[in-house]
Amino acid sequence: MKLGIVGLPNVGKSTLFNAITNAGAESANYPFCTIDPNVGMVAVPDERLDKLAEIYEPDKKTPAVIEFVDIAGLVKGASQGAGLGNKFLANIRETDAIVHVVRCFDDENIMHVVADAGTNVPVDPKGDIETIDLELIMADLEMVNRRIERATKAAKGDKKFLHEVEVFKGLAEHLNGGKSARTYECSDEDMALIATSDLLSLKPIIYAANTDEDGFTHLEDNPYYQQVKAIADAEGAQVLPICAKLEQDIAELEGEEKEMFLEELGVKESGLDRLIKCSYALLGLISFLTYGKDECRAWTIKKGTKAPQAAGKIHTDIERGFIRAEVIAFDDMMKCGGVNAAKEKGLLRSEGKEYVVQDGDMIYFRFNV
């Protein structure tokens, strides 16, 4: 899974990226400090995997991972190449989802840039979101119009393309109204057709409302955060309140010290943990577990994946030669006190090719090639 961290210059993208990846990306108070995207791989926290590792003491413990990409700040006019626009848009195309960082705090020492990289303007979350949305929409509109042209030409020889023309003309009208592709209402079949165009404003989105420390602890009284929440609620998107500066402090702590710090803040999890959970929910992802003395490992799959395809995540040979999956739910195993005890109670199931893997399934695949 690859998430692109985007936003206007100086909203806290690189600070957040540094905090969640400990990658040391350059962070400074001037536009386009990030030119080439920084990339960081982050382990997905999973208490179930940790517990299995305690039980089996394996030679290797391998968590699922998320790839974060810190993309250069966008400015107004990017869809026409302003700033680093073309490069920015190309980098977004390669991601599975967007984490849109929105500045929700005032600080006279940090410039707020929208159109002119040399001009400081007041903080305006609603305006910032509209600026980036519009640039994505304008880039998408160009692609949609090209698709309409191609389909119109193809329809002269094959009438089946007439429906494609109709679908994309409807989408073009929607985009022309300043609305993103992900808010376009149509049938599942038509949306599947639209999805073949790799549109930027179709990508799932999480709004990361970057506040200062005071704003984070008093979200109800933070008008900037409330603006972002209202926009996210209206389009059915997720909003994640976060304080990038605090996340940097959290990232430097471990164990009890980290737990105490989070308790003082009044939160149970770090921003990274909350962001990963949001990302999994947004993209419809779950994890299954494999276990043993050699390795305990978490594997990421889409909800609804059947057992053979889940096996294929491990190796194509296992999918090709799939016989059955021996499955036990992690929670059942823990209640029984171990795998052997769960087997004795008949909780270890033998599942075939049509079995849909569930989150937290512990699986041993039987195969023959």
Protein backbone atom coordinates (compact mmCIF):
# COMPACT_ATOMS: atom_id res chain seq x y z
CA MET A 1 0.00 0.00 0.00
CA LYS A 2 1.34 3.42 -0.96
CA LEU A 3 0.00 6.65 0.57
CA GLY A 4 0.88 10.06 -0.84
CA ILE A 5 1.21 12.90 1.68
CA VAL A 6 0.13 16.08 -0.12
CA GLY A 7 -0.80 19.68 0.64
CA LEU A 8 0.19 23.28 0.08
CA PRO A 9 3.77 24.33 0.94
CA ASN A 10 4.59 24.71 4.65
CA VAL A 11 1.49 22.94 6.00
CA GLY A 12 3.54 20.30 7.83
CA LYS A 13 3.82 17.49 5.28
CA SER A 14 7.52 16.82 5.76
CA THR A 15 7.28 17.28 9.53
CA LEU A 16 4.54 14.66 9.61
CA PHE A 17 6.49 12.40 7.24
CA ASN A 18 9.57 12.63 9.47
CA ALA A 19 7.51 11.83 12.54
CA ILE A 20 5.84 8.73 11.12
CA THR A 21 8.85 7.33 9.26
CA ASN A 22 11.84 8.72 11.21
CA ALA A 23 13.33 9.20 7.75
CA GLY A 24 14.86 12.62 8.34
CA ALA A 25 13.32 14.35 5.33
CA GLU A 26 14.37 17.99 5.07
CA SER A 27 11.84 20.30 6.68
CA ALA A 28 12.16 24.07 6.46
CA ASN A 29 10.14 27.25 6.31
CA TYR A 30 10.28 27.90 2.59
CA PRO A 31 8.22 26.61 -0.35
CA PHE A 32 9.37 23.57 -2.31
CA CYS A 33 11.83 22.43 0.32
CA THR A 34 10.72 18.97 -0.83
CA ILE A 35 11.39 18.63 -4.56
CA ASP A 36 11.82 14.92 -5.19
CA PRO A 37 9.39 12.83 -3.15
CA ASN A 38 10.76 11.30 0.04
CA VAL A 39 9.77 7.67 0.51
CA GLY A 40 9.55 5.80 3.82
CA MET A 41 8.42 2.28 4.71
CA VAL A 42 6.51 1.97 7.99
CA ALA A 43 5.67 -1.22 9.87
CA VAL A 44 1.96 -1.64 10.58
CA PRO A 45 1.48 -1.97 14.37
CA ASP A 46 -0.29 -5.26 15.15
CA GLU A 47 -0.63 -6.50 18.72
CA ARG A 48 -1.71 -9.91 17.40
CA LEU A 49 1.58 -10.38 15.60
CA ASP A 50 3.48 -9.26 18.70
CA LYS A 51 1.62 -11.85 20.77
CA LEU A 52 2.34 -14.64 18.29
CA ALA A 53 6.02 -13.70 18.39
CA GLU A 54 5.95 -14.01 22.19
CA ILE A 55 4.39 -17.46 21.93
CA TYR A 56 6.55 -18.92 19.15
CA GLU A 57 9.80 -16.94 19.63
CA PRO A 58 10.35 -17.16 15.86
CA ASP A 59 13.62 -16.61 14.02
CA LYS A 60 11.90 -13.75 12.24
CA LYS A 61 8.93 -11.45 12.89
CA THR A 62 7.66 -9.64 9.78
CA PRO A 63 4.91 -7.01 10.05
CA ALA A 64 2.86 -5.69 7.17
CA VAL A 65 4.21 -2.40 5.81
CA ILE A 66 2.86 0.85 4.38
CA GLU A 67 4.85 3.03 2.01
CA PHE A 68 4.53 6.77 2.62
CA VAL A 69 5.51 9.27 -0.07
CA ASP A 70 6.12 12.90 0.92
CA ILE A 71 5.24 14.83 -2.24
CA ALA A 72 6.33 18.40 -3.05
CA GLY A 73 3.99 21.21 -1.98
CA LEU A 74 1.36 22.23 -4.49
CA VAL A 75 0.45 25.80 -5.41
CA LYS A 76 -2.43 27.35 -7.35
CA GLY A 77 -1.95 26.74 -11.07
CA ALA A 78 -0.15 23.41 -10.66
CA SER A 79 -2.37 21.74 -13.27
CA GLN A 80 -0.87 24.22 -15.75
CA GLY A 81 2.65 23.52 -14.51
CA ALA A 82 3.01 26.22 -11.81
CA GLY A 83 5.55 25.50 -9.09
CA LEU A 84 6.41 21.83 -9.33
CA GLY A 85 2.90 21.03 -10.54
CA ASN A 86 3.50 18.49 -13.28
CA LYS A 87 5.95 16.52 -11.15
CA PHE A 88 3.60 16.70 -8.17
CA LEU A 89 0.66 15.36 -10.16
CA ALA A 90 2.72 12.52 -11.63
CA ASN A 91 3.81 11.45 -8.13
CA ILE A 92 0.19 11.37 -6.89
CA ARG A 93 -0.83 9.07 -9.75
CA GLU A 94 1.45 6.36 -8.35
CA THR A 95 -0.27 6.24 -4.93
CA ASP A 96 -3.23 4.17 -3.70
CA ALA A 97 -4.66 6.96 -1.56
CA ILE A 98 -4.02 10.56 -0.56
CA VAL A 99 -3.27 11.95 2.89
CA HIS A 100 -4.09 15.64 2.44
CA VAL A 101 -2.35 17.63 5.18
CA VAL A 102 -4.24 20.85 5.97
CA ARG A 103 -2.77 23.56 8.18
CA CYS A 104 -5.05 24.29 11.15
CA PHE A 105 -2.94 26.66 13.24
CA ASP A 106 -1.60 30.21 13.18
CA ASP A 107 2.13 30.92 13.42
CA GLU A 108 3.57 34.20 12.24
CA ASN A 109 6.98 32.54 11.85
CA ILE A 110 5.75 30.05 9.24
CA MET A 111 4.66 31.34 5.83
CA HIS A 112 1.30 30.27 4.47
CA VAL A 113 1.60 30.02 0.69
CA VAL A 114 -1.22 29.45 -1.80
CA ALA A 115 -0.46 30.96 -5.23
CA ASP A 116 2.66 33.10 -4.94
CA ALA A 117 5.61 31.38 -3.26
CA GLY A 118 6.80 34.76 -1.95
CA THR A 119 3.50 35.93 -0.47
CA ASN A 120 2.32 35.09 3.03
CA VAL A 121 -1.49 34.86 3.32
CA PRO A 122 -3.85 34.09 6.23
CA VAL A 123 -4.48 30.47 7.17
CA ASP A 124 -7.65 29.22 5.46
CA PRO A 125 -8.26 25.43 5.61
CA LYS A 126 -11.39 25.54 3.44
CA GLY A 127 -9.61 27.63 0.80
CA ASP A 128 -6.53 25.39 0.96
CA ILE A 129 -8.59 22.25 0.36
CA GLU A 130 -10.43 23.91 -2.52
CA THR A 131 -7.11 24.99 -4.07
CA ILE A 132 -5.69 21.48 -4.17
CA ASP A 133 -9.00 19.89 -5.14
CA LEU A 134 -9.34 22.31 -8.06
CA GLU A 135 -5.85 21.51 -9.36
CA LEU A 136 -6.58 17.78 -9.24
CA ILE A 137 -9.95 18.32 -10.89
CA MET A 138 -8.43 20.47 -13.67
CA ALA A 139 -5.83 17.78 -14.39
CA ASP A 140 -8.59 15.14 -14.41
CA LEU A 141 -10.76 17.20 -16.73
CA GLU A 142 -7.99 17.22 -19.30
CA MET A 143 -7.73 13.43 -19.11
CA VAL A 144 -11.52 12.96 -19.27
CA ASN A 145 -11.82 15.17 -22.36
CA ARG A 146 -9.13 13.12 -24.08
CA ARG A 147 -11.00 9.94 -23.16
CA ILE A 148 -14.21 11.38 -24.66
CA GLU A 149 -12.36 12.20 -27.90
CA ARG A 150 -10.94 8.67 -28.18
CA ALA A 151 -14.27 7.01 -27.38
CA THR A 152 -16.12 9.24 -29.88
CA LYS A 153 -13.72 8.20 -32.65
CA ALA A 154 -13.97 4.53 -31.63
CA ALA A 155 -17.81 4.73 -31.63
CA LYS A 156 -17.78 5.39 -35.37
CA GLY A 157 -16.63 1.80 -35.84
CA ASP A 158 -18.20 0.18 -32.78
CA LYS A 159 -21.42 1.46 -31.18
CA LYS A 160 -20.52 -0.04 -27.78
CA PHE A 161 -18.28 3.01 -27.20
CA LEU A 162 -21.31 5.33 -27.25
CA HIS A 163 -22.04 4.45 -23.60
CA GLU A 164 -18.46 5.30 -22.66
CA VAL A 165 -18.86 8.70 -24.33
CA GLU A 166 -22.06 9.29 -22.37
CA VAL A 167 -20.48 8.28 -19.03
CA PHE A 168 -17.42 10.50 -19.43
CA LYS A 169 -19.44 13.46 -20.69
CA GLY A 170 -21.50 13.26 -17.51
CA LEU A 171 -18.30 13.12 -15.45
CA ALA A 172 -16.83 16.08 -17.37
CA GLU A 173 -19.89 18.16 -16.50
CA HIS A 174 -19.49 17.16 -12.84
CA LEU A 175 -15.78 18.11 -12.85
CA ASN A 176 -16.55 21.40 -14.59
CA GLY A 177 -18.70 22.24 -11.58
CA GLY A 178 -15.59 22.07 -9.39
CA LYS A 179 -16.54 18.69 -7.89
CA SER A 180 -14.12 15.79 -7.48
CA ALA A 181 -14.56 12.50 -9.34
CA ARG A 182 -14.99 10.59 -6.06
CA THR A 183 -18.24 12.51 -5.40
CA TYR A 184 -19.73 11.62 -8.80
CA GLU A 185 -22.86 9.50 -8.43
CA CYS A 186 -23.33 6.70 -10.95
CA SER A 187 -23.80 2.93 -11.16
CA ASP A 188 -21.09 0.55 -9.96
CA GLU A 189 -20.58 -0.54 -13.56
CA ASP A 190 -20.04 3.03 -14.76
CA MET A 191 -17.73 3.77 -11.81
CA ALA A 192 -15.64 0.73 -12.74
CA LEU A 193 -15.35 2.20 -16.24
CA ILE A 194 -14.35 5.61 -14.84
CA ALA A 195 -11.74 3.95 -12.62
CA THR A 196 -9.85 2.79 -15.73
CA SER A 197 -8.82 6.43 -16.28
CA ASP A 198 -6.57 6.70 -13.19
CA LEU A 199 -8.07 10.02 -12.12
CA LEU A 200 -6.42 11.99 -9.32
CA SER A 201 -9.63 13.27 -7.71
CA LEU A 202 -11.01 9.71 -7.66
CA LYS A 203 -8.39 8.51 -5.20
CA PRO A 204 -9.60 7.85 -1.63
CA ILE A 205 -8.58 10.63 0.74
CA ILE A 206 -7.84 11.22 4.41
CA TYR A 207 -7.69 14.82 5.60
CA ALA A 208 -4.92 15.20 8.19
CA ALA A 209 -5.82 18.34 10.10
CA ASN A 210 -2.44 19.54 11.36
CA THR A 211 -2.96 21.60 14.52
CA ASP A 212 -0.66 23.13 17.10
CA GLU A 213 -0.54 21.54 20.57
CA ASP A 214 -3.28 23.71 22.04
CA GLY A 215 -5.54 23.20 19.03
CA PHE A 216 -5.05 19.44 19.23
CA THR A 217 -6.14 19.23 22.87
CA HIS A 218 -9.16 21.52 22.28
CA LEU A 219 -10.51 20.34 18.92
CA GLU A 220 -14.08 21.42 19.64
CA ASP A 221 -12.86 25.00 20.04
CA ASN A 222 -10.56 24.89 17.00
CA PRO A 223 -12.44 26.63 14.14
CA TYR A 224 -9.83 25.54 11.58
CA TYR A 225 -10.27 21.87 12.48
CA GLN A 226 -14.05 22.23 12.42
CA GLN A 227 -13.81 23.60 8.85
CA VAL A 228 -11.89 20.52 7.72
CA LYS A 229 -14.25 18.16 9.56
CA ALA A 230 -17.29 19.75 7.91
CA ILE A 231 -15.76 19.28 4.44
CA ALA A 232 -14.79 15.67 5.17
CA ASP A 233 -18.25 14.87 6.56
CA ALA A 234 -19.95 16.38 3.50
CA GLU A 235 -18.03 14.18 1.07
CA GLY A 236 -17.90 11.07 3.25
CA ALA A 237 -14.13 11.29 3.68
CA GLN A 238 -12.11 10.61 6.82
CA VAL A 239 -10.54 13.38 8.91
CA LEU A 240 -7.65 12.76 11.28
CA PRO A 241 -6.70 15.46 13.81
CA ILE A 242 -2.96 15.42 14.25
CA CYS A 243 -0.19 17.62 15.64
CA ALA A 244 2.90 16.98 13.52
CA LYS A 245 5.21 18.58 16.10
CA LEU A 246 3.87 16.34 18.88
CA GLU A 247 4.19 13.31 16.59
CA GLN A 248 7.91 14.07 16.29
CA ASP A 249 8.19 13.98 20.08
CA ILE A 250 6.16 10.73 20.27
CA ALA A 251 8.36 9.10 17.61
CA GLU A 252 11.42 9.55 19.84
CA LEU A 253 9.82 7.69 22.78
CA GLU A 254 9.35 3.98 23.45
CA GLY A 255 7.57 1.68 25.89
CA GLU A 256 6.23 3.10 29.14
CA GLU A 257 7.61 6.56 28.42
CA LYS A 258 5.58 6.71 25.20
CA GLU A 259 2.45 5.40 26.95
CA MET A 260 2.75 8.04 29.68
CA PHE A 261 3.18 10.82 27.13
CA LEU A 262 0.10 9.69 25.17
CA GLU A 263 -1.87 9.48 28.42
CA GLU A 264 -0.92 13.05 29.27
CA LEU A 265 -2.20 14.12 25.85
CA GLY A 266 -5.45 12.25 26.47
CA VAL A 267 -5.07 9.92 23.47
CA LYS A 268 -4.68 6.14 23.33
CA GLU A 269 -2.66 5.90 20.12
CA SER A 270 -0.07 7.88 18.22
CA GLY A 271 -1.04 9.71 15.05
CA LEU A 272 0.79 7.05 13.05
CA ASP A 273 -1.32 4.24 14.54
CA ARG A 274 -4.51 6.22 13.92
CA LEU A 275 -3.42 7.08 10.37
CA ILE A 276 -2.71 3.43 9.56
CA LYS A 277 -6.11 2.35 10.92
CA CYS A 278 -7.79 5.07 8.85
CA SER A 279 -5.85 3.94 5.78
CA TYR A 280 -6.86 0.29 6.21
CA ALA A 281 -10.51 1.27 6.65
CA LEU A 282 -10.35 3.66 3.68
CA LEU A 283 -8.91 1.07 1.30
CA GLY A 284 -10.88 -1.89 2.66
CA LEU A 285 -7.80 -3.78 3.87
CA ILE A 286 -7.40 -6.50 6.51
CA SER A 287 -4.53 -8.66 7.76
CA PHE A 288 -4.16 -12.41 8.13
CA LEU A 289 -1.35 -14.09 10.05
CA THR A 290 1.03 -16.97 9.41
CA TYR A 291 2.91 -18.46 12.33
CA GLY A 292 5.62 -20.90 13.32
CA LYS A 293 9.16 -21.14 14.67
CA ASP A 294 10.69 -19.94 11.41
CA GLU A 295 8.57 -16.81 11.06
CA CYS A 296 5.49 -15.03 12.34
CA ARG A 297 4.14 -12.65 9.74
CA ALA A 298 1.21 -10.33 8.97
CA TRP A 299 -0.09 -10.15 5.39
CA THR A 300 -2.27 -7.37 3.98
CA ILE A 301 -5.15 -8.24 1.67
CA LYS A 302 -8.40 -6.68 0.47
CA LYS A 303 -11.60 -7.54 2.34
CA GLY A 304 -13.40 -10.28 0.44
CA THR A 305 -10.23 -12.08 -0.68
CA LYS A 306 -10.64 -15.85 -0.94
CA ALA A 307 -8.18 -18.32 0.53
CA PRO A 308 -6.27 -19.25 -2.67
CA GLN A 309 -5.67 -15.59 -3.56
CA ALA A 310 -4.55 -14.88 0.01
CA ALA A 311 -2.12 -17.79 -0.34
CA GLY A 312 -0.85 -16.18 -3.54
CA LYS A 313 0.31 -13.21 -1.46
CA ILE A 314 2.85 -15.55 0.11
CA HIS A 315 3.87 -17.30 -3.11
CA THR A 316 2.23 -17.92 -6.48
CA ASP A 317 3.05 -21.65 -6.16
CA ILE A 318 0.90 -21.88 -3.02
CA GLU A 319 -2.05 -20.35 -4.89
CA ARG A 320 -1.50 -22.60 -7.91
CA GLY A 321 -1.28 -25.78 -5.85
CA PHE A 322 -3.82 -24.78 -3.16
CA ILE A 323 -5.46 -27.74 -1.42
CA ARG A 324 -6.96 -26.24 1.73
CA ALA A 325 -6.43 -23.63 4.45
CA GLU A 326 -6.24 -24.60 8.10
CA VAL A 327 -7.73 -21.61 9.89
CA ILE A 328 -8.17 -20.44 13.45
CA ALA A 329 -9.29 -16.96 14.52
CA PHE A 330 -6.65 -15.20 16.60
CA ASP A 331 -9.20 -14.27 19.28
CA ASP A 332 -10.31 -17.92 19.58
CA MET A 333 -6.69 -19.03 19.96
CA MET A 334 -6.10 -16.48 22.73
CA LYS A 335 -9.27 -17.47 24.60
CA CYS A 336 -8.15 -21.11 24.56
CA GLY A 337 -4.60 -20.28 25.61
CA GLY A 338 -2.86 -21.59 22.50
CA VAL A 339 -3.23 -23.30 19.13
CA ASN A 340 -3.16 -26.86 20.53
CA ALA A 341 -5.88 -26.07 23.06
CA ALA A 342 -7.98 -24.50 20.30
CA LYS A 343 -7.52 -27.63 18.16
CA GLU A 344 -8.77 -29.79 21.02
CA LYS A 345 -11.92 -27.65 21.19
CA GLY A 346 -12.50 -28.04 17.45
CA LEU A 347 -11.82 -24.38 16.65
CA LEU A 348 -9.22 -25.12 13.98
CA ARG A 349 -11.17 -25.29 10.71
CA SER A 350 -10.31 -26.76 7.32
CA GLU A 351 -11.47 -24.34 4.62
CA GLY A 352 -11.60 -24.73 0.83
CA LYS A 353 -11.21 -22.52 -2.21
CA GLU A 354 -14.37 -20.49 -1.60
CA TYR A 355 -13.46 -19.45 1.95
CA VAL A 356 -13.30 -15.66 2.39
CA VAL A 357 -10.40 -14.77 4.68
CA GLN A 358 -11.31 -12.73 7.77
CA ASP A 359 -9.26 -10.12 9.62
CA GLY A 360 -7.09 -11.81 12.24
CA ASP A 361 -7.28 -15.29 10.73
CA MET A 362 -4.25 -17.44 11.55
CA ILE A 363 -3.72 -19.65 8.50
CA TYR A 364 -1.60 -22.62 7.53
CA PHE A 365 -1.92 -23.37 3.80
CA ARG A 366 -1.77 -26.91 2.45
CA PHE A 367 -0.68 -27.07 -1.20
CA ASN A 368 0.89 -29.36 -3.76
CA VAL A 369 2.82 -28.36 -6.91
